[in-house]
Amino acid sequence: MPDTESALADAIVTLLDHRAPGRTICPSEAARRVDPDAWRDLMPDARRVASRLVGDGTIEMTQRGEPVDPATARGPVRLRYPRDQDESGN
């Protein structure tokens, strides 16, 4: 599973790098990139990897445009770079 988790982390960052600043992705987009045929099976892993990236400050997880805690978020979420990162261009 570490290879899958690394691939998911890479997919999340790559997808966000190719979006306009402030734009979001769905964790399912990363899962689809890693395994187009079995992406649904990867969704728990995609959310876990996204949670780890939130924890280290790389990304934010949002619902209805507002940052949420991955530990308590239920339902659909979106991922984005932190607002201060977007503004600084880093």
Protein backbone atom coordinates (compact mmCIF):
# COMPACT_ATOMS: atom_id res chain seq x y z
CA MET A 1 0.00 0.00 0.00
CA PRO A 2 2.85 2.50 0.49
CA ASP A 3 3.36 2.64 -3.29
CA THR A 4 -0.34 3.37 -3.78
CA GLU A 5 -0.28 6.04 -1.10
CA SER A 6 2.77 7.65 -2.67
CA ALA A 7 1.09 7.55 -6.09
CA LEU A 8 -2.04 9.15 -4.62
CA ALA A 9 -0.01 11.91 -2.92
CA ASP A 10 1.82 12.57 -6.18
CA ALA A 11 -1.48 12.65 -8.09
CA ILE A 12 -3.04 15.13 -5.65
CA VAL A 13 -0.08 17.51 -5.88
CA THR A 14 0.20 17.16 -9.67
CA LEU A 15 -3.50 17.82 -10.19
CA LEU A 16 -3.38 20.89 -7.94
CA ASP A 17 -0.24 22.14 -9.69
CA HIS A 18 -2.17 22.14 -12.96
CA ARG A 19 -5.15 24.07 -11.58
CA ALA A 20 -5.51 27.81 -11.40
CA PRO A 21 -4.67 29.24 -7.96
CA GLY A 22 -7.52 28.73 -5.53
CA ARG A 23 -9.14 25.98 -7.62
CA THR A 24 -9.94 22.63 -6.05
CA ILE A 25 -9.90 18.96 -6.93
CA CYS A 26 -11.94 16.03 -5.69
CA PRO A 27 -10.00 13.17 -4.07
CA SER A 28 -11.64 10.92 -6.67
CA GLU A 29 -9.65 12.67 -9.40
CA ALA A 30 -6.42 11.45 -7.80
CA ALA A 31 -7.84 7.96 -7.35
CA ARG A 32 -8.89 7.87 -11.02
CA ARG A 33 -5.41 8.96 -12.07
CA VAL A 34 -3.80 6.16 -10.06
CA ASP A 35 -6.23 3.41 -11.14
CA PRO A 36 -8.91 4.36 -13.67
CA ASP A 37 -10.61 0.96 -13.42
CA ALA A 38 -10.69 0.49 -9.65
CA TRP A 39 -10.67 4.09 -8.44
CA ARG A 40 -13.64 3.59 -6.14
CA ASP A 41 -11.65 1.04 -4.16
CA LEU A 42 -8.95 3.68 -3.67
CA MET A 43 -11.24 6.33 -2.19
CA PRO A 44 -10.55 5.49 1.49
CA ASP A 45 -6.82 5.61 0.71
CA ALA A 46 -7.21 8.89 -1.21
CA ARG A 47 -8.95 10.53 1.74
CA ARG A 48 -6.36 9.16 4.17
CA VAL A 49 -3.50 10.49 2.02
CA ALA A 50 -5.28 13.84 1.68
CA SER A 51 -5.67 13.95 5.47
CA ARG A 52 -1.94 13.37 5.86
CA LEU A 53 -1.20 16.18 3.38
CA VAL A 54 -3.54 18.45 5.34
CA GLY A 55 -1.73 17.52 8.54
CA ASP A 56 1.65 18.52 7.14
CA GLY A 57 0.27 21.80 5.74
CA THR A 58 0.62 20.93 2.05
CA ILE A 59 -3.10 21.20 1.24
CA GLU A 60 -6.47 22.11 2.75
CA MET A 61 -9.59 20.00 2.76
CA THR A 62 -12.80 21.98 2.25
CA GLN A 63 -16.55 21.60 2.28
CA ARG A 64 -18.72 24.33 0.79
CA GLY A 65 -15.55 26.36 0.24
CA GLU A 66 -14.48 26.41 3.90
CA PRO A 67 -11.54 24.49 5.40
CA VAL A 68 -12.56 21.47 7.45
CA ASP A 69 -10.81 19.06 9.77
CA PRO A 70 -10.30 15.77 7.91
CA ALA A 71 -10.95 13.86 11.15
CA THR A 72 -14.48 15.20 11.41
CA ALA A 73 -15.40 15.85 7.76
CA ARG A 74 -18.27 13.71 6.53
CA GLY A 75 -19.48 13.55 2.95
CA PRO A 76 -17.96 15.09 -0.15
CA VAL A 77 -14.79 17.14 0.24
CA ARG A 78 -12.56 19.16 -2.06
CA LEU A 79 -8.81 19.69 -1.88
CA ARG A 80 -6.81 22.86 -2.56
CA TYR A 81 -3.54 24.51 -1.72
CA PRO A 82 -3.77 26.73 1.36
CA ARG A 83 -4.92 30.26 0.54
CA ASP A 84 -1.69 31.84 1.80
CA GLN A 85 0.30 29.56 -0.50
CA ASP A 86 -1.84 30.60 -3.49
CA GLU A 87 -1.29 34.26 -2.72
CA SER A 88 2.46 33.96 -2.25
CA GLY A 89 2.90 31.89 -5.41
CA ASN A 90 4.68 29.04 -3.60
